[in-house]
Amino acid sequence: MRTTLTLDRDVAETLKKEMRRTGRGLKAVINDALRRGLRIGGKPPRSPRFAVQPHAFGVKPGVDPDRMNQLVDELEAEERARTLRP
């Protein structure tokens, strides 16, 4: 369908920014925005699934990484006690 559309200045600027950002034309940007706004086509598009990338931290055997905060607290307490001694 071909039609004439008068846009408010702020909407036109936002469309121009989106066109620059995506590298897509005016027609595609407006159609996508209208589809999202009118919720045509059922559910909104699904975000890509988030996947956790494991990382080897190289913790030495015998060191429990879940108790690192406790170790930091103990070291800070020892340092504080050392500075308070006369």
Protein backbone atom coordinates (compact mmCIF):
# COMPACT_ATOMS: atom_id res chain seq x y z
CA MET A 1 0.00 0.00 0.00
CA ARG A 2 1.34 3.40 -0.89
CA THR A 3 0.49 6.38 1.33
CA THR A 4 1.73 9.79 2.40
CA LEU A 5 2.71 10.21 6.02
CA THR A 6 3.54 13.44 7.87
CA LEU A 7 5.97 12.84 10.74
CA ASP A 8 6.66 14.97 13.77
CA ARG A 9 10.22 16.34 13.87
CA ASP A 10 11.32 14.15 16.81
CA VAL A 11 9.95 11.01 15.13
CA ALA A 12 11.73 11.86 11.87
CA GLU A 13 15.03 12.37 13.72
CA THR A 14 14.62 9.06 15.54
CA LEU A 15 13.93 7.31 12.24
CA LYS A 16 17.04 8.85 10.68
CA LYS A 17 19.17 7.71 13.61
CA GLU A 18 17.75 4.18 13.36
CA MET A 19 18.41 4.12 9.61
CA ARG A 20 22.05 5.14 10.20
CA ARG A 21 22.45 2.67 13.04
CA THR A 22 21.04 -0.32 11.15
CA GLY A 23 21.96 0.63 7.59
CA ARG A 24 18.38 -0.11 6.51
CA GLY A 25 16.01 2.01 4.46
CA LEU A 26 13.16 4.20 5.64
CA LYS A 27 10.47 1.75 4.52
CA ALA A 28 11.98 -1.18 6.46
CA VAL A 29 12.55 0.88 9.62
CA ILE A 30 9.01 2.30 9.60
CA ASN A 31 7.40 -1.10 8.91
CA ASP A 32 9.35 -2.75 11.74
CA ALA A 33 8.49 0.06 14.16
CA LEU A 34 4.80 -0.16 13.24
CA ARG A 35 4.77 -3.96 13.61
CA ARG A 36 6.32 -3.69 17.07
CA GLY A 37 3.99 -0.89 18.08
CA LEU A 38 0.88 -2.60 16.79
CA ARG A 39 2.01 -6.08 17.90
CA ILE A 40 1.27 -7.57 14.48
CA GLY A 41 2.60 -11.06 13.95
CA GLY A 42 1.92 -12.58 17.35
CA LYS A 43 4.59 -12.64 20.01
CA PRO A 44 7.46 -10.15 19.98
CA PRO A 45 10.70 -11.59 18.60
CA ARG A 46 12.65 -13.65 21.08
CA SER A 47 16.03 -12.47 22.29
CA PRO A 48 18.93 -14.78 21.52
CA ARG A 49 19.52 -17.38 24.19
CA PHE A 50 22.15 -16.36 26.74
CA ALA A 51 24.96 -18.86 27.11
CA VAL A 52 27.50 -18.83 29.93
CA GLN A 53 31.07 -19.23 28.76
CA PRO A 54 33.03 -21.16 31.42
CA HIS A 55 36.47 -19.90 32.35
CA ALA A 56 39.27 -21.72 34.14
CA PHE A 57 40.44 -19.44 36.95
CA GLY A 58 43.42 -21.58 37.83
CA VAL A 59 42.61 -21.80 41.55
CA LYS A 60 45.15 -23.94 43.35
CA PRO A 61 44.04 -27.27 44.85
CA GLY A 62 42.76 -26.91 48.40
CA VAL A 63 41.49 -23.36 47.84
CA ASP A 64 37.71 -23.14 47.90
CA PRO A 65 36.65 -20.29 45.58
CA ASP A 66 33.29 -20.10 47.37
CA ARG A 67 35.09 -19.05 50.57
CA MET A 68 37.28 -16.32 49.04
CA ASN A 69 35.26 -13.54 50.70
CA GLN A 70 35.74 -15.19 54.07
CA LEU A 71 39.50 -15.31 53.45
CA VAL A 72 39.54 -11.61 52.52
CA ASP A 73 37.58 -10.77 55.70
CA GLU A 74 40.01 -12.75 57.83
CA LEU A 75 43.04 -11.07 56.24
CA GLU A 76 41.49 -7.62 56.74
CA ALA A 77 40.71 -8.43 60.37
CA GLU A 78 44.31 -9.55 60.94
CA GLU A 79 45.64 -6.37 59.33
CA ARG A 80 43.28 -4.21 61.41
CA ALA A 81 44.35 -6.02 64.62
CA ARG A 82 48.01 -5.48 63.70
CA THR A 83 47.51 -1.74 63.22
CA LEU A 84 45.60 -1.37 66.52
CA ARG A 85 48.31 -3.09 68.63
CA PRO A 86 50.47 -0.66 70.64
